[in-house]
Amino acid sequence: MVFSKRYEKPAPATDPDAIDWGKVASVFVMFSMLSFLTAWIYSFETETIDSPDIYKGQDNNTALTGPIHIKSNGATYQVRVKAVQMSMQSWTFIEGKVLDKNKQYLFSFGKDLWKESGVDYEGYSWSEKDDAFEIKVNFPKAGEYYIQLQAESNNQPDIIAVTVTKKMGSSLPHIWLGIIFLLIGIVCNEIQNRTMRTVLKGMGDRFND
């Protein structure tokens, strides 16, 4: 008795010079994770600057922090502002100014803080507030600086607490870099494995059934 040999389709030849997109994807994903880790490390605070608060009834409603001695270009500081015991139906606009060593204006930032309440059309009472904010201030050059905060309000809070801290660095560029690396890694993985195409084909087959 003679048994016929079953025909087996030969495996397709692989090009030794072809790009291994799976490995490329792994490299970009690794760089993405490193970028996110760097951003997390840069978010750490290393120093708290003595910053005066703004009290109700204070002259000019102004607080001056400094001098802040910047030792390297691109130093990042974080300014936190919180209005304590805001009255209902009140607002406070906080304007921050960055000044040079001669207390000359360089640039500014600002935000409205508020607290409101009322009754909706169904008769339910509500209250909302936005009584705090934080912002990162980047000093492009080494030197001596001041941060001046001034409050304008229809009913000023008892205290506007101010905190200025030094950050290890700016995390935002590394976050964006991590996102870009991750997207490139996803694209490379799709080129290698056709994952999305397989998923879409499976969904199409299920709907056809």
C-alpha atoms as a PDB file:
ATOM      1  CA  MET A   1       0.000   0.000   0.000  1.00  0.00           C
ATOM      2  CA  VAL A   2       1.359   3.361  -1.019  1.00  0.00           C
ATOM      3  CA  PHE A   3       0.531   6.472   0.954  1.00  0.00           C
ATOM      4  CA  SER A   4       0.657   9.738  -0.860  1.00  0.00           C
ATOM      5  CA  LYS A   5       2.640  12.458   0.837  1.00  0.00           C
ATOM      6  CA  ARG A   6       0.478  15.374   1.914  1.00  0.00           C
ATOM      7  CA  TYR A   7       1.445  18.587   0.214  1.00  0.00           C
ATOM      8  CA  GLU A   8       2.526  21.342   2.572  1.00  0.00           C
ATOM      9  CA  LYS A   9       2.658  24.914   1.389  1.00  0.00           C
ATOM     10  CA  PRO A  10       6.143  26.260   1.878  1.00  0.00           C
ATOM     11  CA  ALA A  11       6.539  29.144   4.281  1.00  0.00           C
ATOM     12  CA  PRO A  12       7.066  32.464   2.554  1.00  0.00           C
ATOM     13  CA  ALA A  13      10.675  33.505   2.268  1.00  0.00           C
ATOM     14  CA  THR A  14      11.729  36.232   4.627  1.00  0.00           C
ATOM     15  CA  ASP A  15      13.828  39.141   3.510  1.00  0.00           C
ATOM     16  CA  PRO A  16      16.842  39.424   5.854  1.00  0.00           C
ATOM     17  CA  ASP A  17      16.988  43.143   5.154  1.00  0.00           C
ATOM     18  CA  ALA A  18      13.307  43.768   5.974  1.00  0.00           C
ATOM     19  CA  ILE A  19      12.514  46.093   8.853  1.00  0.00           C
ATOM     20  CA  ASP A  20      11.231  44.354  11.976  1.00  0.00           C
ATOM     21  CA  TRP A  21       8.456  46.784  12.825  1.00  0.00           C
ATOM     22  CA  GLY A  22       7.686  44.916  16.034  1.00  0.00           C
ATOM     23  CA  LYS A  23      11.136  45.707  17.421  1.00  0.00           C
ATOM     24  CA  VAL A  24      10.861  49.303  16.213  1.00  0.00           C
ATOM     25  CA  ALA A  25       7.520  49.603  18.048  1.00  0.00           C
ATOM     26  CA  SER A  26       9.091  48.232  21.241  1.00  0.00           C
ATOM     27  CA  VAL A  27      11.889  50.813  21.068  1.00  0.00           C
ATOM     28  CA  PHE A  28       9.477  53.725  20.674  1.00  0.00           C
ATOM     29  CA  VAL A  29       7.237  52.447  23.486  1.00  0.00           C
ATOM     30  CA  MET A  30      10.319  52.183  25.734  1.00  0.00           C
ATOM     31  CA  PHE A  31      11.306  55.784  24.892  1.00  0.00           C
ATOM     32  CA  SER A  32       7.713  56.819  25.620  1.00  0.00           C
ATOM     33  CA  MET A  33       7.842  55.250  29.093  1.00  0.00           C
ATOM     34  CA  LEU A  34      11.186  56.941  29.781  1.00  0.00           C
ATOM     35  CA  SER A  35       9.722  60.312  28.742  1.00  0.00           C
ATOM     36  CA  PHE A  36       6.724  59.864  31.064  1.00  0.00           C
ATOM     37  CA  LEU A  37       9.057  58.824  33.902  1.00  0.00           C
ATOM     38  CA  THR A  38      11.199  61.943  33.331  1.00  0.00           C
ATOM     39  CA  ALA A  39       8.075  64.144  33.345  1.00  0.00           C
ATOM     40  CA  TRP A  40       7.017  62.580  36.655  1.00  0.00           C
ATOM     41  CA  ILE A  41      10.445  63.196  38.209  1.00  0.00           C
ATOM     42  CA  TYR A  42      10.464  66.805  36.974  1.00  0.00           C
ATOM     43  CA  SER A  43       7.138  67.413  38.728  1.00  0.00           C
ATOM     44  CA  PHE A  44       8.802  67.040  42.140  1.00  0.00           C
ATOM     45  CA  GLU A  45       9.198  70.130  44.319  1.00  0.00           C
ATOM     46  CA  THR A  46      12.656  70.903  45.638  1.00  0.00           C
ATOM     47  CA  GLU A  47      12.241  74.190  47.529  1.00  0.00           C
ATOM     48  CA  THR A  48       9.471  76.337  49.030  1.00  0.00           C
ATOM     49  CA  ILE A  49       9.904  80.108  48.776  1.00  0.00           C
ATOM     50  CA  ASP A  50       8.748  82.338  51.644  1.00  0.00           C
ATOM     51  CA  SER A  51       5.588  83.900  50.168  1.00  0.00           C
ATOM     52  CA  PRO A  52       3.339  86.397  51.983  1.00  0.00           C
ATOM     53  CA  ASP A  53      -0.442  85.940  51.845  1.00  0.00           C
ATOM     54  CA  ILE A  54      -2.978  88.666  50.987  1.00  0.00           C
ATOM     55  CA  TYR A  55      -5.285  89.610  53.855  1.00  0.00           C
ATOM     56  CA  LYS A  56      -8.637  91.348  53.731  1.00  0.00           C
ATOM     57  CA  GLY A  57      -8.240  95.087  54.227  1.00  0.00           C
ATOM     58  CA  GLN A  58      -4.557  95.020  53.371  1.00  0.00           C
ATOM     59  CA  ASP A  59      -3.219  98.101  51.565  1.00  0.00           C
ATOM     60  CA  ASN A  60      -3.400  97.677  47.783  1.00  0.00           C
ATOM     61  CA  ASN A  61      -4.325  93.979  48.270  1.00  0.00           C
ATOM     62  CA  THR A  62      -0.825  93.123  47.065  1.00  0.00           C
ATOM     63  CA  ALA A  63       1.756  90.509  48.065  1.00  0.00           C
ATOM     64  CA  LEU A  64       5.364  90.517  46.850  1.00  0.00           C
ATOM     65  CA  THR A  65       7.450  87.336  46.838  1.00  0.00           C
ATOM     66  CA  GLY A  66      11.185  87.614  46.440  1.00  0.00           C
ATOM     67  CA  PRO A  67      13.866  88.158  45.647  1.00  0.00           C
ATOM     68  CA  ILE A  68      13.938  84.740  43.979  1.00  0.00           C
ATOM     69  CA  HIS A  69      17.477  83.825  42.986  1.00  0.00           C
ATOM     70  CA  ILE A  70      17.487  81.839  39.747  1.00  0.00           C
ATOM     71  CA  LYS A  71      20.796  80.028  39.283  1.00  0.00           C
ATOM     72  CA  SER A  72      20.208  78.400  35.883  1.00  0.00           C
ATOM     73  CA  ASN A  73      18.387  79.207  32.659  1.00  0.00           C
ATOM     74  CA  GLY A  74      14.923  77.728  32.273  1.00  0.00           C
ATOM     75  CA  ALA A  75      14.186  77.260  35.993  1.00  0.00           C
ATOM     76  CA  THR A  76      10.543  76.414  36.727  1.00  0.00           C
ATOM     77  CA  TYR A  77       8.531  77.540  39.747  1.00  0.00           C
ATOM     78  CA  GLN A  78       4.934  76.761  40.626  1.00  0.00           C
ATOM     79  CA  VAL A  79       2.616  79.412  42.078  1.00  0.00           C
ATOM     80  CA  ARG A  80      -0.416  78.185  44.028  1.00  0.00           C
ATOM     81  CA  VAL A  81      -3.181  80.571  45.024  1.00  0.00           C
ATOM     82  CA  LYS A  82      -6.204  79.725  47.193  1.00  0.00           C
ATOM     83  CA  ALA A  83      -8.955  82.032  48.431  1.00  0.00           C
ATOM     84  CA  VAL A  84      -9.940  81.101  51.993  1.00  0.00           C
ATOM     85  CA  GLN A  85     -13.525  81.640  53.204  1.00  0.00           C
ATOM     86  CA  MET A  86     -14.985  83.232  50.097  1.00  0.00           C
ATOM     87  CA  SER A  87     -18.451  84.741  50.497  1.00  0.00           C
ATOM     88  CA  MET A  88     -21.338  83.592  48.328  1.00  0.00           C
ATOM     89  CA  GLN A  89     -21.934  85.570  45.113  1.00  0.00           C
ATOM     90  CA  SER A  90     -18.389  86.889  45.204  1.00  0.00           C
ATOM     91  CA  TRP A  91     -15.499  86.967  42.756  1.00  0.00           C
ATOM     92  CA  THR A  92     -11.823  87.790  43.018  1.00  0.00           C
ATOM     93  CA  PHE A  93      -9.456  88.378  40.128  1.00  0.00           C
ATOM     94  CA  ILE A  94      -5.838  87.469  40.902  1.00  0.00           C
ATOM     95  CA  GLU A  95      -3.207  89.121  38.732  1.00  0.00           C
ATOM     96  CA  GLY A  96       0.371  87.919  38.976  1.00  0.00           C
ATOM     97  CA  LYS A  97       3.317  89.879  37.645  1.00  0.00           C
ATOM     98  CA  VAL A  98       6.877  88.653  37.212  1.00  0.00           C
ATOM     99  CA  LEU A  99       9.372  91.449  37.858  1.00  0.00           C
ATOM    100  CA  ASP A 100      13.118  91.706  37.323  1.00  0.00           C
ATOM    101  CA  LYS A 101      15.667  92.606  40.009  1.00  0.00           C
ATOM    102  CA  ASN A 102      14.765  96.301  39.608  1.00  0.00           C
ATOM    103  CA  LYS A 103      11.071  95.386  40.016  1.00  0.00           C
ATOM    104  CA  GLN A 104      10.364  96.220  36.410  1.00  0.00           C
ATOM    105  CA  TYR A 105       7.505  94.367  34.715  1.00  0.00           C
ATOM    106  CA  LEU A 106       8.411  91.342  32.545  1.00  0.00           C
ATOM    107  CA  PHE A 107       5.201  89.363  32.031  1.00  0.00           C
ATOM    108  CA  SER A 108       1.969  88.525  33.839  1.00  0.00           C
ATOM    109  CA  PHE A 109      -0.693  85.886  34.417  1.00  0.00           C
ATOM    110  CA  GLY A 110      -4.113  85.893  36.065  1.00  0.00           C
ATOM    111  CA  LYS A 111      -7.324  84.053  36.881  1.00  0.00           C
ATOM    112  CA  ASP A 112     -10.826  84.674  38.233  1.00  0.00           C
ATOM    113  CA  LEU A 113     -11.833  82.946  41.467  1.00  0.00           C
ATOM    114  CA  TRP A 114     -15.528  82.819  42.363  1.00  0.00           C
ATOM    115  CA  LYS A 115     -18.210  81.294  44.549  1.00  0.00           C
ATOM    116  CA  GLU A 116     -21.898  81.265  43.611  1.00  0.00           C
ATOM    117  CA  SER A 117     -25.193  79.742  44.692  1.00  0.00           C
ATOM    118  CA  GLY A 118     -28.777  79.795  43.500  1.00  0.00           C
ATOM    119  CA  VAL A 119     -31.948  77.824  42.801  1.00  0.00           C
ATOM    120  CA  ASP A 120     -32.587  75.963  39.560  1.00  0.00           C
ATOM    121  CA  TYR A 121     -35.866  75.852  37.617  1.00  0.00           C
ATOM    122  CA  GLU A 122     -36.997  72.761  39.574  1.00  0.00           C
ATOM    123  CA  GLY A 123     -36.528  74.510  42.891  1.00  0.00           C
ATOM    124  CA  TYR A 124     -33.308  72.757  43.902  1.00  0.00           C
ATOM    125  CA  SER A 125     -30.587  74.846  45.480  1.00  0.00           C
ATOM    126  CA  TRP A 126     -27.040  74.660  44.141  1.00  0.00           C
ATOM    127  CA  SER A 127     -23.631  76.114  44.877  1.00  0.00           C
ATOM    128  CA  GLU A 128     -20.386  76.082  42.920  1.00  0.00           C
ATOM    129  CA  LYS A 129     -16.950  77.549  43.378  1.00  0.00           C
ATOM    130  CA  ASP A 130     -13.549  77.859  41.797  1.00  0.00           C
ATOM    131  CA  ASP A 131     -11.432  79.182  44.646  1.00  0.00           C
ATOM    132  CA  ALA A 132      -7.908  78.037  43.766  1.00  0.00           C
ATOM    133  CA  PHE A 133      -5.470  77.696  40.910  1.00  0.00           C
ATOM    134  CA  GLU A 134      -1.849  76.875  40.217  1.00  0.00           C
ATOM    135  CA  ILE A 135       0.421  77.912  37.393  1.00  0.00           C
ATOM    136  CA  LYS A 136       3.993  77.126  36.400  1.00  0.00           C
ATOM    137  CA  VAL A 137       6.276  80.126  35.831  1.00  0.00           C
ATOM    138  CA  ASN A 138       9.362  79.590  33.701  1.00  0.00           C
ATOM    139  CA  PHE A 139      12.348  81.911  34.124  1.00  0.00           C
ATOM    140  CA  PRO A 140      14.292  81.824  30.834  1.00  0.00           C
ATOM    141  CA  LYS A 141      17.493  83.327  32.237  1.00  0.00           C
ATOM    142  CA  ALA A 142      19.416  83.132  35.490  1.00  0.00           C
ATOM    143  CA  GLY A 143      19.111  86.189  37.720  1.00  0.00           C
ATOM    144  CA  GLU A 144      17.033  87.802  40.456  1.00  0.00           C
ATOM    145  CA  TYR A 145      13.245  88.048  40.154  1.00  0.00           C
ATOM    146  CA  TYR A 146      10.092  88.916  42.083  1.00  0.00           C
ATOM    147  CA  ILE A 147       6.516  87.654  41.809  1.00  0.00           C
ATOM    148  CA  GLN A 148       3.851  90.214  42.679  1.00  0.00           C
ATOM    149  CA  LEU A 149       0.240  89.141  43.241  1.00  0.00           C
ATOM    150  CA  GLN A 150      -2.638  91.592  43.416  1.00  0.00           C
ATOM    151  CA  ALA A 151      -6.309  90.889  44.160  1.00  0.00           C
ATOM    152  CA  GLU A 152      -9.347  92.758  42.863  1.00  0.00           C
ATOM    153  CA  SER A 153     -12.674  91.662  44.311  1.00  0.00           C
ATOM    154  CA  ASN A 154     -16.305  92.619  44.866  1.00  0.00           C
ATOM    155  CA  ASN A 155     -16.076  91.051  48.327  1.00  0.00           C
ATOM    156  CA  GLN A 156     -12.527  90.037  49.147  1.00  0.00           C
ATOM    157  CA  PRO A 157     -11.896  86.747  50.976  1.00  0.00           C
ATOM    158  CA  ASP A 158     -10.412  86.839  54.465  1.00  0.00           C
ATOM    159  CA  ILE A 159      -7.143  85.349  53.225  1.00  0.00           C
ATOM    160  CA  ILE A 160      -5.671  84.656  49.813  1.00  0.00           C
ATOM    161  CA  ALA A 161      -3.015  82.050  50.527  1.00  0.00           C
ATOM    162  CA  VAL A 162       0.053  82.092  48.255  1.00  0.00           C
ATOM    163  CA  THR A 163       2.613  79.301  47.891  1.00  0.00           C
ATOM    164  CA  VAL A 164       5.639  79.439  45.583  1.00  0.00           C
ATOM    165  CA  THR A 165       7.712  76.277  45.118  1.00  0.00           C
ATOM    166  CA  LYS A 166      10.654  75.379  42.912  1.00  0.00           C
ATOM    167  CA  LYS A 167      10.182  72.435  40.573  1.00  0.00           C
ATOM    168  CA  MET A 168      12.934  70.122  39.354  1.00  0.00           C
ATOM    169  CA  GLY A 169      12.045  71.152  35.812  1.00  0.00           C
ATOM    170  CA  SER A 170       9.259  71.568  33.294  1.00  0.00           C
ATOM    171  CA  SER A 171       7.452  68.265  32.739  1.00  0.00           C
ATOM    172  CA  LEU A 172       5.277  69.392  29.805  1.00  0.00           C
ATOM    173  CA  PRO A 173       7.858  68.886  26.986  1.00  0.00           C
ATOM    174  CA  HIS A 174       8.530  65.347  28.206  1.00  0.00           C
ATOM    175  CA  ILE A 175       4.813  64.553  28.377  1.00  0.00           C
ATOM    176  CA  TRP A 176       4.338  65.634  24.756  1.00  0.00           C
ATOM    177  CA  LEU A 177       7.453  63.702  23.711  1.00  0.00           C
ATOM    178  CA  GLY A 178       6.119  60.606  25.480  1.00  0.00           C
ATOM    179  CA  ILE A 179       2.781  60.911  23.676  1.00  0.00           C
ATOM    180  CA  ILE A 180       4.509  61.273  20.281  1.00  0.00           C
ATOM    181  CA  PHE A 181       6.769  58.248  20.921  1.00  0.00           C
ATOM    182  CA  LEU A 182       3.772  56.194  22.059  1.00  0.00           C
ATOM    183  CA  LEU A 183       1.750  57.049  18.935  1.00  0.00           C
ATOM    184  CA  ILE A 184       4.698  56.114  16.684  1.00  0.00           C
ATOM    185  CA  GLY A 185       5.027  52.834  18.581  1.00  0.00           C
ATOM    186  CA  ILE A 186       1.341  52.064  18.060  1.00  0.00           C
ATOM    187  CA  VAL A 187       1.635  52.764  14.328  1.00  0.00           C
ATOM    188  CA  CYS A 188       4.721  50.530  14.014  1.00  0.00           C
ATOM    189  CA  ASN A 189       2.950  47.735  15.901  1.00  0.00           C
ATOM    190  CA  GLU A 190      -0.021  48.049  13.546  1.00  0.00           C
ATOM    191  CA  ILE A 191       2.294  47.773  10.521  1.00  0.00           C
ATOM    192  CA  GLN A 192       3.820  44.599  11.982  1.00  0.00           C
ATOM    193  CA  ASN A 193       0.732  42.801  13.302  1.00  0.00           C
ATOM    194  CA  ARG A 194      -2.223  44.336  11.432  1.00  0.00           C
ATOM    195  CA  THR A 195      -4.059  44.281  14.750  1.00  0.00           C
ATOM    196  CA  MET A 196      -6.666  46.855  13.838  1.00  0.00           C
ATOM    197  CA  ARG A 197      -7.320  45.247  10.466  1.00  0.00           C
ATOM    198  CA  THR A 198      -7.923  41.882  12.162  1.00  0.00           C
ATOM    199  CA  VAL A 199     -10.294  43.434  14.688  1.00  0.00           C
ATOM    200  CA  LEU A 200     -12.253  45.283  12.006  1.00  0.00           C
ATOM    201  CA  LYS A 201     -12.442  42.140   9.855  1.00  0.00           C
ATOM    202  CA  GLY A 202     -13.743  40.146  12.816  1.00  0.00           C
ATOM    203  CA  MET A 203     -16.380  42.774  13.513  1.00  0.00           C
ATOM    204  CA  GLY A 204     -17.413  42.767   9.855  1.00  0.00           C
ATOM    205  CA  ASP A 205     -17.700  38.977   9.784  1.00  0.00           C
ATOM    206  CA  ARG A 206     -19.826  39.055  12.947  1.00  0.00           C
ATOM    207  CA  PHE A 207     -22.228  41.597  11.442  1.00  0.00           C
ATOM    208  CA  ASN A 208     -22.424  39.583   8.212  1.00  0.00           C
ATOM    209  CA  ASP A 209     -23.388  36.476  10.154  1.00  0.00           C
END
